[in-house]
């Protein structure tokens, strides 16, 4: 819309000073003629904008002229306050600068938009850093519209969630008190309390979600950033994952990948036109957790590490010895 373009021209000139008409046209994706017509419209509206001719010329505002951001829509105001996580800014040495910039921006917003912008800053968080030691895992799509989770978050409502866990593939139901939504390296998570304890739910594992006619019951004094930081540290501070290579028979490859989806160390191999056995790379939190692979018997052979092969061999020998004896011990 033209009104948005006029505001963009003023903000660009405030930020960059004098700019050639061609630069403005490129940034706004319009023609130079359109830019010049917009400059004339701004001048007619009383904005002290002027043009400088010559090879070093351009378009500029009179020194000292400032405008606020009253042309922003409510959605644009909320979008500006969907923040990167605090620890990402701190690592860049920009933590204090970010806080100062947001305070100035909040003061410049139209008064009706300030509550929505403030709420967005406390309910939505963007954390671009991958989980420590793990690959980037893109969401596979959820049966639940993300808007339903967002509605619970912004309306301070309790939420009923049916959820499939990645570790054991079991489906469970929860009544939750949401704090907000976090996008972690491209994957959306719901941060909520379950029975007063913090919990994390991947949005793409939600099977159904419904709002309850009950107000949310968050713990006093806690915001999304606080709860997220504790959950993130709990996950990131685990020991370095144990890499495991498994040779899987193609007949059970699909089932194997479904069960161990959360343990994959990279993109899953295709189940089409595979050789008789397929190598699959996994990550486990511990040697004991990886022993669950024994459930596939000879259809899934661990190739590495050697200590896991030895552990599985011992367990298989113990099981064979037990089944070779009579159940009554005679």
C-alpha atoms as a PDB file:
ATOM      1  CA  UNK A   1       0.000   0.000   0.000  1.00  0.00           C
ATOM      2  CA  UNK A   2       1.180   3.542  -0.736  1.00  0.00           C
ATOM      3  CA  UNK A   3       0.824   4.740   2.881  1.00  0.00           C
ATOM      4  CA  UNK A   4       3.167   1.950   4.026  1.00  0.00           C
ATOM      5  CA  UNK A   5       5.645   2.867   1.272  1.00  0.00           C
ATOM      6  CA  UNK A   6       5.630   6.538   2.305  1.00  0.00           C
ATOM      7  CA  UNK A   7       6.376   5.553   5.902  1.00  0.00           C
ATOM      8  CA  UNK A   8       9.141   3.237   4.683  1.00  0.00           C
ATOM      9  CA  UNK A   9      10.760   6.098   2.750  1.00  0.00           C
ATOM     10  CA  UNK A  10      10.790   8.321   5.854  1.00  0.00           C
ATOM     11  CA  UNK A  11      12.252   5.575   8.058  1.00  0.00           C
ATOM     12  CA  UNK A  12      14.916   4.708   5.462  1.00  0.00           C
ATOM     13  CA  UNK A  13      15.968   8.356   5.179  1.00  0.00           C
ATOM     14  CA  UNK A  14      16.068   8.707   8.957  1.00  0.00           C
ATOM     15  CA  UNK A  15      18.241   5.607   9.229  1.00  0.00           C
ATOM     16  CA  UNK A  16      20.591   6.089   6.284  1.00  0.00           C
ATOM     17  CA  UNK A  17      20.525   9.842   5.669  1.00  0.00           C
ATOM     18  CA  UNK A  18      20.659  10.902   2.020  1.00  0.00           C
ATOM     19  CA  UNK A  19      19.910   8.062  -0.429  1.00  0.00           C
ATOM     20  CA  UNK A  20      19.870   8.038  -4.242  1.00  0.00           C
ATOM     21  CA  UNK A  21      16.408   7.596  -5.754  1.00  0.00           C
ATOM     22  CA  UNK A  22      17.634   4.390  -7.414  1.00  0.00           C
ATOM     23  CA  UNK A  23      18.601   2.901  -4.046  1.00  0.00           C
ATOM     24  CA  UNK A  24      15.193   3.714  -2.594  1.00  0.00           C
ATOM     25  CA  UNK A  25      13.466   2.233  -5.630  1.00  0.00           C
ATOM     26  CA  UNK A  26      15.483  -0.996  -5.292  1.00  0.00           C
ATOM     27  CA  UNK A  27      14.789  -1.333  -1.566  1.00  0.00           C
ATOM     28  CA  UNK A  28      11.070  -0.735  -2.039  1.00  0.00           C
ATOM     29  CA  UNK A  29      10.845  -2.790  -5.249  1.00  0.00           C
ATOM     30  CA  UNK A  30       9.237   0.015  -7.253  1.00  0.00           C
ATOM     31  CA  UNK A  31      10.360   2.284 -10.104  1.00  0.00           C
ATOM     32  CA  UNK A  32      12.364   5.497  -9.660  1.00  0.00           C
ATOM     33  CA  UNK A  33       9.376   7.410 -11.074  1.00  0.00           C
ATOM     34  CA  UNK A  34       7.189   5.981  -8.281  1.00  0.00           C
ATOM     35  CA  UNK A  35       9.760   7.031  -5.683  1.00  0.00           C
ATOM     36  CA  UNK A  36       9.800  10.593  -7.019  1.00  0.00           C
ATOM     37  CA  UNK A  37       5.988  10.764  -6.955  1.00  0.00           C
ATOM     38  CA  UNK A  38       6.059   9.534  -3.340  1.00  0.00           C
ATOM     39  CA  UNK A  39       8.640  12.189  -2.430  1.00  0.00           C
ATOM     40  CA  UNK A  40       6.361  14.863  -3.899  1.00  0.00           C
ATOM     41  CA  UNK A  41       3.449  13.469  -1.858  1.00  0.00           C
ATOM     42  CA  UNK A  42       5.511  13.592   1.332  1.00  0.00           C
ATOM     43  CA  UNK A  43       6.551  17.173   0.632  1.00  0.00           C
ATOM     44  CA  UNK A  44       2.942  18.172  -0.026  1.00  0.00           C
ATOM     45  CA  UNK A  45       1.976  16.611   3.307  1.00  0.00           C
ATOM     46  CA  UNK A  46       4.468  18.794   5.145  1.00  0.00           C
ATOM     47  CA  UNK A  47       7.357  16.342   5.536  1.00  0.00           C
ATOM     48  CA  UNK A  48      10.630  18.319   5.056  1.00  0.00           C
ATOM     49  CA  UNK A  49      12.031  16.057   2.331  1.00  0.00           C
ATOM     50  CA  UNK A  50      14.177  17.446  -0.472  1.00  0.00           C
ATOM     51  CA  UNK A  51      16.248  16.290  -3.444  1.00  0.00           C
ATOM     52  CA  UNK A  52      19.897  17.030  -4.187  1.00  0.00           C
ATOM     53  CA  UNK A  53      20.901  17.037  -7.842  1.00  0.00           C
ATOM     54  CA  UNK A  54      24.219  15.954  -9.310  1.00  0.00           C
ATOM     55  CA  UNK A  55      26.393  12.825  -9.286  1.00  0.00           C
ATOM     56  CA  UNK A  56      26.444  12.747  -5.480  1.00  0.00           C
ATOM     57  CA  UNK A  57      22.821  13.743  -5.095  1.00  0.00           C
ATOM     58  CA  UNK A  58      19.842  11.941  -3.715  1.00  0.00           C
ATOM     59  CA  UNK A  59      16.857  12.355  -1.430  1.00  0.00           C
ATOM     60  CA  UNK A  60      17.102  13.472   2.198  1.00  0.00           C
ATOM     61  CA  UNK A  61      15.199  14.855   5.186  1.00  0.00           C
ATOM     62  CA  UNK A  62      16.060  18.161   6.807  1.00  0.00           C
ATOM     63  CA  UNK A  63      18.562  17.594   9.684  1.00  0.00           C
ATOM     64  CA  UNK A  64      16.867  16.920  13.010  1.00  0.00           C
ATOM     65  CA  UNK A  65      13.543  15.808  11.580  1.00  0.00           C
ATOM     66  CA  UNK A  66      12.228  12.614  13.179  1.00  0.00           C
ATOM     67  CA  UNK A  67       9.002  10.697  12.824  1.00  0.00           C
ATOM     68  CA  UNK A  68       7.428   8.039  14.979  1.00  0.00           C
ATOM     69  CA  UNK A  69       5.992   4.725  13.806  1.00  0.00           C
ATOM     70  CA  UNK A  70       2.318   5.618  14.029  1.00  0.00           C
ATOM     71  CA  UNK A  71       1.765   4.150  10.573  1.00  0.00           C
ATOM     72  CA  UNK A  72       2.339   0.620  11.824  1.00  0.00           C
ATOM     73  CA  UNK A  73      -0.457  -1.913  11.880  1.00  0.00           C
ATOM     74  CA  UNK A  74      -1.174  -4.093  14.927  1.00  0.00           C
ATOM     75  CA  UNK A  75       0.312  -7.166  13.219  1.00  0.00           C
ATOM     76  CA  UNK A  76       3.479  -5.258  12.288  1.00  0.00           C
ATOM     77  CA  UNK A  77       3.847  -4.083  15.878  1.00  0.00           C
ATOM     78  CA  UNK A  78       3.537  -7.633  17.209  1.00  0.00           C
ATOM     79  CA  UNK A  79       5.988  -8.942  14.616  1.00  0.00           C
ATOM     80  CA  UNK A  80       8.697  -6.512  15.754  1.00  0.00           C
ATOM     81  CA  UNK A  81       8.497  -7.846  19.297  1.00  0.00           C
ATOM     82  CA  UNK A  82       8.801 -11.544  18.472  1.00  0.00           C
ATOM     83  CA  UNK A  83      12.283 -11.751  19.882  1.00  0.00           C
ATOM     84  CA  UNK A  84      15.393 -13.737  19.400  1.00  0.00           C
ATOM     85  CA  UNK A  85      16.275 -15.474  22.668  1.00  0.00           C
ATOM     86  CA  UNK A  86      18.157 -13.378  25.225  1.00  0.00           C
ATOM     87  CA  UNK A  87      21.131 -15.715  25.366  1.00  0.00           C
ATOM     88  CA  UNK A  88      21.679 -15.344  21.602  1.00  0.00           C
ATOM     89  CA  UNK A  89      21.912 -11.546  21.975  1.00  0.00           C
ATOM     90  CA  UNK A  90      24.102 -11.877  25.058  1.00  0.00           C
ATOM     91  CA  UNK A  91      26.559 -14.093  23.175  1.00  0.00           C
ATOM     92  CA  UNK A  92      26.831 -11.314  20.570  1.00  0.00           C
ATOM     93  CA  UNK A  93      27.369  -8.688  23.266  1.00  0.00           C
ATOM     94  CA  UNK A  94      24.078  -7.000  22.356  1.00  0.00           C
ATOM     95  CA  UNK A  95      21.937  -7.802  25.388  1.00  0.00           C
ATOM     96  CA  UNK A  96      21.828  -4.260  26.830  1.00  0.00           C
ATOM     97  CA  UNK A  97      21.530  -2.661  23.387  1.00  0.00           C
ATOM     98  CA  UNK A  98      18.532  -4.872  22.599  1.00  0.00           C
ATOM     99  CA  UNK A  99      16.705  -3.843  25.749  1.00  0.00           C
ATOM    100  CA  UNK A 100      17.375  -0.160  25.090  1.00  0.00           C
ATOM    101  CA  UNK A 101      16.221  -0.431  21.452  1.00  0.00           C
ATOM    102  CA  UNK A 102      12.989  -2.177  22.417  1.00  0.00           C
ATOM    103  CA  UNK A 103      12.150   0.407  25.065  1.00  0.00           C
ATOM    104  CA  UNK A 104      12.570   3.182  22.485  1.00  0.00           C
ATOM    105  CA  UNK A 105      10.517   1.294  19.922  1.00  0.00           C
ATOM    106  CA  UNK A 106       7.742   0.581  22.416  1.00  0.00           C
ATOM    107  CA  UNK A 107       7.548   4.278  23.303  1.00  0.00           C
ATOM    108  CA  UNK A 108       7.213   5.170  19.617  1.00  0.00           C
ATOM    109  CA  UNK A 109       4.403   2.696  18.898  1.00  0.00           C
ATOM    110  CA  UNK A 110       0.808   3.900  18.680  1.00  0.00           C
ATOM    111  CA  UNK A 111      -0.713   3.537  22.143  1.00  0.00           C
ATOM    112  CA  UNK A 112      -3.434   1.035  21.048  1.00  0.00           C
ATOM    113  CA  UNK A 113      -0.767  -1.368  19.710  1.00  0.00           C
ATOM    114  CA  UNK A 114       1.501  -1.391  22.772  1.00  0.00           C
ATOM    115  CA  UNK A 115      -0.337  -4.075  24.802  1.00  0.00           C
ATOM    116  CA  UNK A 116      -0.311  -6.537  21.856  1.00  0.00           C
ATOM    117  CA  UNK A 117       3.362  -5.853  21.142  1.00  0.00           C
ATOM    118  CA  UNK A 118       4.273  -6.358  24.796  1.00  0.00           C
ATOM    119  CA  UNK A 119       2.292  -9.609  24.941  1.00  0.00           C
ATOM    120  CA  UNK A 120       4.023 -10.926  21.807  1.00  0.00           C
ATOM    121  CA  UNK A 121       7.426 -10.242  23.368  1.00  0.00           C
ATOM    122  CA  UNK A 122       6.471 -12.382  26.388  1.00  0.00           C
ATOM    123  CA  UNK A 123       4.668 -15.244  24.616  1.00  0.00           C
ATOM    124  CA  UNK A 124       6.693 -15.936  21.440  1.00  0.00           C
ATOM    125  CA  UNK A 125      10.426 -16.631  21.331  1.00  0.00           C
ATOM    126  CA  UNK A 126      12.779 -17.378  18.420  1.00  0.00           C
ATOM    127  CA  UNK A 127      15.916 -19.360  19.279  1.00  0.00           C
ATOM    128  CA  UNK A 128      17.946 -19.986  16.092  1.00  0.00           C
ATOM    129  CA  UNK A 129      20.618 -22.106  17.802  1.00  0.00           C
ATOM    130  CA  UNK A 130      20.457 -25.875  17.240  1.00  0.00           C
ATOM    131  CA  UNK A 131      20.293 -28.258  20.162  1.00  0.00           C
ATOM    132  CA  UNK A 132      23.822 -28.979  21.341  1.00  0.00           C
ATOM    133  CA  UNK A 133      25.273 -32.063  19.696  1.00  0.00           C
ATOM    134  CA  UNK A 134      22.227 -32.638  17.512  1.00  0.00           C
ATOM    135  CA  UNK A 135      21.344 -32.006  13.859  1.00  0.00           C
ATOM    136  CA  UNK A 136      18.751 -29.513  12.717  1.00  0.00           C
ATOM    137  CA  UNK A 137      15.426 -31.347  12.649  1.00  0.00           C
ATOM    138  CA  UNK A 138      12.712 -29.736  10.629  1.00  0.00           C
ATOM    139  CA  UNK A 139       9.142 -30.158  11.750  1.00  0.00           C
ATOM    140  CA  UNK A 140       7.251 -32.786   9.776  1.00  0.00           C
ATOM    141  CA  UNK A 141       3.880 -31.057  10.009  1.00  0.00           C
ATOM    142  CA  UNK A 142       1.334 -31.316  12.798  1.00  0.00           C
ATOM    143  CA  UNK A 143      -2.225 -32.560  12.959  1.00  0.00           C
ATOM    144  CA  UNK A 144      -2.876 -29.464  15.097  1.00  0.00           C
ATOM    145  CA  UNK A 145      -3.054 -25.968  13.640  1.00  0.00           C
ATOM    146  CA  UNK A 146      -0.390 -23.845  15.300  1.00  0.00           C
ATOM    147  CA  UNK A 147      -3.022 -21.117  15.614  1.00  0.00           C
ATOM    148  CA  UNK A 148      -4.844 -23.194  18.253  1.00  0.00           C
ATOM    149  CA  UNK A 149      -1.740 -23.285  20.438  1.00  0.00           C
ATOM    150  CA  UNK A 150      -1.203 -19.584  19.816  1.00  0.00           C
ATOM    151  CA  UNK A 151      -4.779 -18.865  20.836  1.00  0.00           C
ATOM    152  CA  UNK A 152      -4.253 -20.604  24.175  1.00  0.00           C
ATOM    153  CA  UNK A 153      -1.013 -18.685  24.689  1.00  0.00           C
ATOM    154  CA  UNK A 154      -2.412 -15.212  23.910  1.00  0.00           C
ATOM    155  CA  UNK A 155      -5.803 -15.697  25.589  1.00  0.00           C
ATOM    156  CA  UNK A 156      -4.330 -17.145  28.814  1.00  0.00           C
ATOM    157  CA  UNK A 157      -6.382 -20.341  28.578  1.00  0.00           C
ATOM    158  CA  UNK A 158      -5.622 -23.857  29.740  1.00  0.00           C
ATOM    159  CA  UNK A 159      -5.107 -26.417  26.967  1.00  0.00           C
ATOM    160  CA  UNK A 160      -5.992 -30.088  26.516  1.00  0.00           C
ATOM    161  CA  UNK A 161      -3.384 -31.823  24.343  1.00  0.00           C
ATOM    162  CA  UNK A 162      -3.111 -35.332  22.858  1.00  0.00           C
ATOM    163  CA  UNK A 163       0.547 -35.922  22.128  1.00  0.00           C
ATOM    164  CA  UNK A 164       2.698 -38.646  20.582  1.00  0.00           C
ATOM    165  CA  UNK A 165       6.067 -38.961  22.299  1.00  0.00           C
ATOM    166  CA  UNK A 166       9.107 -39.433  20.090  1.00  0.00           C
ATOM    167  CA  UNK A 167      10.987 -41.668  22.519  1.00  0.00           C
ATOM    168  CA  UNK A 168       8.509 -44.541  22.766  1.00  0.00           C
ATOM    169  CA  UNK A 169       5.828 -43.528  20.208  1.00  0.00           C
ATOM    170  CA  UNK A 170       3.140 -43.670  22.911  1.00  0.00           C
ATOM    171  CA  UNK A 171       0.148 -41.305  22.847  1.00  0.00           C
ATOM    172  CA  UNK A 172      -0.753 -39.498  26.053  1.00  0.00           C
ATOM    173  CA  UNK A 173      -3.174 -36.715  27.009  1.00  0.00           C
ATOM    174  CA  UNK A 174      -2.262 -33.665  29.088  1.00  0.00           C
ATOM    175  CA  UNK A 175      -3.984 -30.661  30.650  1.00  0.00           C
ATOM    176  CA  UNK A 176      -1.478 -27.831  30.293  1.00  0.00           C
ATOM    177  CA  UNK A 177      -0.873 -24.276  31.444  1.00  0.00           C
ATOM    178  CA  UNK A 178       0.961 -22.609  28.517  1.00  0.00           C
ATOM    179  CA  UNK A 179       3.675 -19.971  28.867  1.00  0.00           C
ATOM    180  CA  UNK A 180       4.308 -19.513  25.160  1.00  0.00           C
ATOM    181  CA  UNK A 181       5.678 -20.831  21.878  1.00  0.00           C
ATOM    182  CA  UNK A 182       9.359 -21.193  20.956  1.00  0.00           C
ATOM    183  CA  UNK A 183      10.798 -21.728  17.500  1.00  0.00           C
ATOM    184  CA  UNK A 184      14.047 -23.626  18.060  1.00  0.00           C
ATOM    185  CA  UNK A 185      16.157 -23.899  14.888  1.00  0.00           C
ATOM    186  CA  UNK A 186      13.041 -24.145  12.707  1.00  0.00           C
ATOM    187  CA  UNK A 187      10.925 -26.410  14.964  1.00  0.00           C
ATOM    188  CA  UNK A 188       8.023 -25.049  17.037  1.00  0.00           C
ATOM    189  CA  UNK A 189       7.658 -26.047  20.690  1.00  0.00           C
ATOM    190  CA  UNK A 190       4.955 -25.373  23.265  1.00  0.00           C
ATOM    191  CA  UNK A 191       6.344 -24.446  26.693  1.00  0.00           C
ATOM    192  CA  UNK A 192       3.843 -25.208  29.443  1.00  0.00           C
ATOM    193  CA  UNK A 193       3.387 -26.405  32.994  1.00  0.00           C
ATOM    194  CA  UNK A 194       1.946 -29.873  33.555  1.00  0.00           C
ATOM    195  CA  UNK A 195       0.771 -30.288  37.133  1.00  0.00           C
ATOM    196  CA  UNK A 196       2.965 -27.383  38.149  1.00  0.00           C
ATOM    197  CA  UNK A 197       6.124 -28.721  36.513  1.00  0.00           C
ATOM    198  CA  UNK A 198       7.721 -27.284  33.345  1.00  0.00           C
ATOM    199  CA  UNK A 199       7.411 -29.352  30.166  1.00  0.00           C
ATOM    200  CA  UNK A 200       8.256 -29.055  26.484  1.00  0.00           C
ATOM    201  CA  UNK A 201       6.077 -30.334  23.611  1.00  0.00           C
ATOM    202  CA  UNK A 202       7.011 -30.372  19.921  1.00  0.00           C
ATOM    203  CA  UNK A 203       4.131 -28.893  17.958  1.00  0.00           C
ATOM    204  CA  UNK A 204       4.532 -31.413  15.125  1.00  0.00           C
ATOM    205  CA  UNK A 205       3.845 -34.301  17.543  1.00  0.00           C
ATOM    206  CA  UNK A 206       0.535 -32.894  18.756  1.00  0.00           C
ATOM    207  CA  UNK A 207      -2.404 -34.999  17.565  1.00  0.00           C
ATOM    208  CA  UNK A 208      -5.195 -32.750  18.859  1.00  0.00           C
ATOM    209  CA  UNK A 209      -5.558 -29.627  20.963  1.00  0.00           C
ATOM    210  CA  UNK A 210      -8.544 -27.848  22.470  1.00  0.00           C
ATOM    211  CA  UNK A 211      -8.940 -24.781  24.666  1.00  0.00           C
ATOM    212  CA  UNK A 212     -10.561 -25.242  28.052  1.00  0.00           C
ATOM    213  CA  UNK A 213     -12.956 -22.788  29.687  1.00  0.00           C
ATOM    214  CA  UNK A 214     -10.456 -22.243  32.467  1.00  0.00           C
ATOM    215  CA  UNK A 215      -7.890 -19.486  32.961  1.00  0.00           C
ATOM    216  CA  UNK A 216      -4.247 -20.506  32.762  1.00  0.00           C
ATOM    217  CA  UNK A 217      -2.507 -21.333  36.067  1.00  0.00           C
ATOM    218  CA  UNK A 218       1.083 -20.242  35.587  1.00  0.00           C
ATOM    219  CA  UNK A 219       3.528 -20.144  38.462  1.00  0.00           C
ATOM    220  CA  UNK A 220       3.885 -16.657  39.900  1.00  0.00           C
ATOM    221  CA  UNK A 221       6.775 -14.527  38.730  1.00  0.00           C
ATOM    222  CA  UNK A 222       7.737 -16.699  35.759  1.00  0.00           C
ATOM    223  CA  UNK A 223       7.696 -15.730  32.091  1.00  0.00           C
ATOM    224  CA  UNK A 224       8.275 -17.762  28.934  1.00  0.00           C
ATOM    225  CA  UNK A 225      11.964 -16.763  28.748  1.00  0.00           C
ATOM    226  CA  UNK A 226      12.584 -18.017  32.316  1.00  0.00           C
ATOM    227  CA  UNK A 227      10.911 -21.403  31.839  1.00  0.00           C
ATOM    228  CA  UNK A 228      12.450 -21.901  28.390  1.00  0.00           C
ATOM    229  CA  UNK A 229      15.950 -21.192  29.681  1.00  0.00           C
ATOM    230  CA  UNK A 230      15.589 -23.900  32.342  1.00  0.00           C
ATOM    231  CA  UNK A 231      14.223 -26.468  29.885  1.00  0.00           C
ATOM    232  CA  UNK A 232      16.879 -25.620  27.291  1.00  0.00           C
ATOM    233  CA  UNK A 233      19.694 -25.999  29.805  1.00  0.00           C
ATOM    234  CA  UNK A 234      18.309 -29.330  31.001  1.00  0.00           C
ATOM    235  CA  UNK A 235      18.443 -30.700  27.446  1.00  0.00           C
ATOM    236  CA  UNK A 236      21.649 -29.034  26.283  1.00  0.00           C
ATOM    237  CA  UNK A 237      23.618 -29.964  29.412  1.00  0.00           C
ATOM    238  CA  UNK A 238      23.277 -33.726  28.928  1.00  0.00           C
ATOM    239  CA  UNK A 239      26.479 -35.612  28.046  1.00  0.00           C
ATOM    240  CA  UNK A 240      27.596 -35.701  24.418  1.00  0.00           C
ATOM    241  CA  UNK A 241      25.295 -38.161  22.588  1.00  0.00           C
ATOM    242  CA  UNK A 242      26.590 -41.653  21.824  1.00  0.00           C
ATOM    243  CA  UNK A 243      26.866 -42.193  18.035  1.00  0.00           C
ATOM    244  CA  UNK A 244      25.612 -45.611  16.912  1.00  0.00           C
ATOM    245  CA  UNK A 245      25.702 -47.226  13.455  1.00  0.00           C
ATOM    246  CA  UNK A 246      23.124 -49.949  12.799  1.00  0.00           C
ATOM    247  CA  UNK A 247      22.735 -52.291   9.834  1.00  0.00           C
ATOM    248  CA  UNK A 248      18.963 -52.675   9.363  1.00  0.00           C
ATOM    249  CA  UNK A 249      17.263 -55.281   7.168  1.00  0.00           C
ATOM    250  CA  UNK A 250      15.172 -53.532   4.504  1.00  0.00           C
ATOM    251  CA  UNK A 251      12.041 -55.542   5.450  1.00  0.00           C
ATOM    252  CA  UNK A 252      11.824 -53.765   8.814  1.00  0.00           C
ATOM    253  CA  UNK A 253      13.406 -50.435   7.826  1.00  0.00           C
ATOM    254  CA  UNK A 254      10.130 -48.501   7.862  1.00  0.00           C
ATOM    255  CA  UNK A 255       9.179 -49.772  11.318  1.00  0.00           C
ATOM    256  CA  UNK A 256      12.706 -49.189  12.632  1.00  0.00           C
ATOM    257  CA  UNK A 257      12.695 -45.570  11.440  1.00  0.00           C
ATOM    258  CA  UNK A 258       9.271 -44.892  12.984  1.00  0.00           C
ATOM    259  CA  UNK A 259      10.325 -46.207  16.369  1.00  0.00           C
ATOM    260  CA  UNK A 260      13.732 -44.497  16.388  1.00  0.00           C
ATOM    261  CA  UNK A 261      12.746 -41.253  14.654  1.00  0.00           C
ATOM    262  CA  UNK A 262      13.864 -39.183  17.656  1.00  0.00           C
ATOM    263  CA  UNK A 263      17.273 -40.909  17.686  1.00  0.00           C
ATOM    264  CA  UNK A 264      18.223 -40.257  14.050  1.00  0.00           C
ATOM    265  CA  UNK A 265      21.541 -38.445  13.673  1.00  0.00           C
ATOM    266  CA  UNK A 266      20.657 -37.139  10.210  1.00  0.00           C
ATOM    267  CA  UNK A 267      17.997 -37.356   7.501  1.00  0.00           C
ATOM    268  CA  UNK A 268      16.320 -40.790   7.430  1.00  0.00           C
ATOM    269  CA  UNK A 269      17.302 -43.076   4.542  1.00  0.00           C
ATOM    270  CA  UNK A 270      14.687 -43.729   1.902  1.00  0.00           C
ATOM    271  CA  UNK A 271      12.709 -46.953   2.225  1.00  0.00           C
ATOM    272  CA  UNK A 272      12.501 -47.345  -1.578  1.00  0.00           C
ATOM    273  CA  UNK A 273      14.780 -49.582  -3.683  1.00  0.00           C
ATOM    274  CA  UNK A 274      17.284 -50.267  -0.913  1.00  0.00           C
ATOM    275  CA  UNK A 275      19.853 -53.089  -0.779  1.00  0.00           C
ATOM    276  CA  UNK A 276      19.161 -55.971   1.584  1.00  0.00           C
ATOM    277  CA  UNK A 277      20.653 -54.094   4.554  1.00  0.00           C
ATOM    278  CA  UNK A 278      20.790 -50.334   5.133  1.00  0.00           C
ATOM    279  CA  UNK A 279      23.151 -48.419   7.415  1.00  0.00           C
ATOM    280  CA  UNK A 280      21.360 -46.028   9.779  1.00  0.00           C
ATOM    281  CA  UNK A 281      23.157 -43.463  11.964  1.00  0.00           C
ATOM    282  CA  UNK A 282      21.661 -42.836  15.408  1.00  0.00           C
ATOM    283  CA  UNK A 283      22.417 -40.844  18.579  1.00  0.00           C
ATOM    284  CA  UNK A 284      21.597 -42.120  22.078  1.00  0.00           C
ATOM    285  CA  UNK A 285      22.006 -40.414  25.434  1.00  0.00           C
ATOM    286  CA  UNK A 286      23.757 -43.393  26.953  1.00  0.00           C
ATOM    287  CA  UNK A 287      24.904 -46.953  26.346  1.00  0.00           C
ATOM    288  CA  UNK A 288      21.985 -48.244  28.420  1.00  0.00           C
ATOM    289  CA  UNK A 289      19.456 -46.345  26.263  1.00  0.00           C
ATOM    290  CA  UNK A 290      20.971 -47.839  23.094  1.00  0.00           C
ATOM    291  CA  UNK A 291      20.471 -51.376  24.425  1.00  0.00           C
ATOM    292  CA  UNK A 292      16.834 -51.056  23.313  1.00  0.00           C
ATOM    293  CA  UNK A 293      18.101 -51.971  19.825  1.00  0.00           C
ATOM    294  CA  UNK A 294      18.317 -55.602  20.974  1.00  0.00           C
ATOM    295  CA  UNK A 295      14.537 -55.784  20.581  1.00  0.00           C
ATOM    296  CA  UNK A 296      15.002 -56.087  16.793  1.00  0.00           C
ATOM    297  CA  UNK A 297      17.169 -59.205  17.116  1.00  0.00           C
ATOM    298  CA  UNK A 298      19.316 -60.043  14.115  1.00  0.00           C
ATOM    299  CA  UNK A 299      17.246 -57.769  11.849  1.00  0.00           C
ATOM    300  CA  UNK A 300      19.141 -54.754  13.232  1.00  0.00           C
ATOM    301  CA  UNK A 301      22.861 -55.334  13.831  1.00  0.00           C
ATOM    302  CA  UNK A 302      24.902 -52.720  15.687  1.00  0.00           C
ATOM    303  CA  UNK A 303      28.153 -52.114  13.797  1.00  0.00           C
ATOM    304  CA  UNK A 304      29.599 -49.461  16.110  1.00  0.00           C
ATOM    305  CA  UNK A 305      30.610 -48.652  18.769  1.00  0.00           C
ATOM    306  CA  UNK A 306      32.382 -51.815  19.905  1.00  0.00           C
ATOM    307  CA  UNK A 307      31.334 -51.431  23.556  1.00  0.00           C
ATOM    308  CA  UNK A 308      27.655 -51.458  22.551  1.00  0.00           C
ATOM    309  CA  UNK A 309      28.142 -54.604  20.443  1.00  0.00           C
ATOM    310  CA  UNK A 310      29.755 -56.264  23.464  1.00  0.00           C
ATOM    311  CA  UNK A 311      26.946 -55.159  25.781  1.00  0.00           C
ATOM    312  CA  UNK A 312      24.294 -56.501  23.403  1.00  0.00           C
ATOM    313  CA  UNK A 313      26.217 -59.761  22.967  1.00  0.00           C
ATOM    314  CA  UNK A 314      26.235 -60.262  26.750  1.00  0.00           C
ATOM    315  CA  UNK A 315      22.520 -59.582  27.027  1.00  0.00           C
ATOM    316  CA  UNK A 316      21.748 -61.890  24.091  1.00  0.00           C
ATOM    317  CA  UNK A 317      23.870 -64.654  25.676  1.00  0.00           C
ATOM    318  CA  UNK A 318      22.076 -64.226  29.005  1.00  0.00           C
ATOM    319  CA  UNK A 319      18.711 -64.438  27.266  1.00  0.00           C
ATOM    320  CA  UNK A 320      19.797 -67.535  25.301  1.00  0.00           C
ATOM    321  CA  UNK A 321      21.024 -69.220  28.475  1.00  0.00           C
ATOM    322  CA  UNK A 322      17.784 -68.515  30.290  1.00  0.00           C
ATOM    323  CA  UNK A 323      15.631 -69.858  27.439  1.00  0.00           C
ATOM    324  CA  UNK A 324      17.782 -72.969  27.032  1.00  0.00           C
ATOM    325  CA  UNK A 325      16.865 -74.063  30.572  1.00  0.00           C
ATOM    326  CA  UNK A 326      13.511 -75.446  31.664  1.00  0.00           C
ATOM    327  CA  UNK A 327      11.241 -72.723  33.120  1.00  0.00           C
ATOM    328  CA  UNK A 328      10.839 -74.707  36.389  1.00  0.00           C
ATOM    329  CA  UNK A 329      14.646 -74.878  36.829  1.00  0.00           C
ATOM    330  CA  UNK A 330      14.918 -78.684  36.389  1.00  0.00           C
END
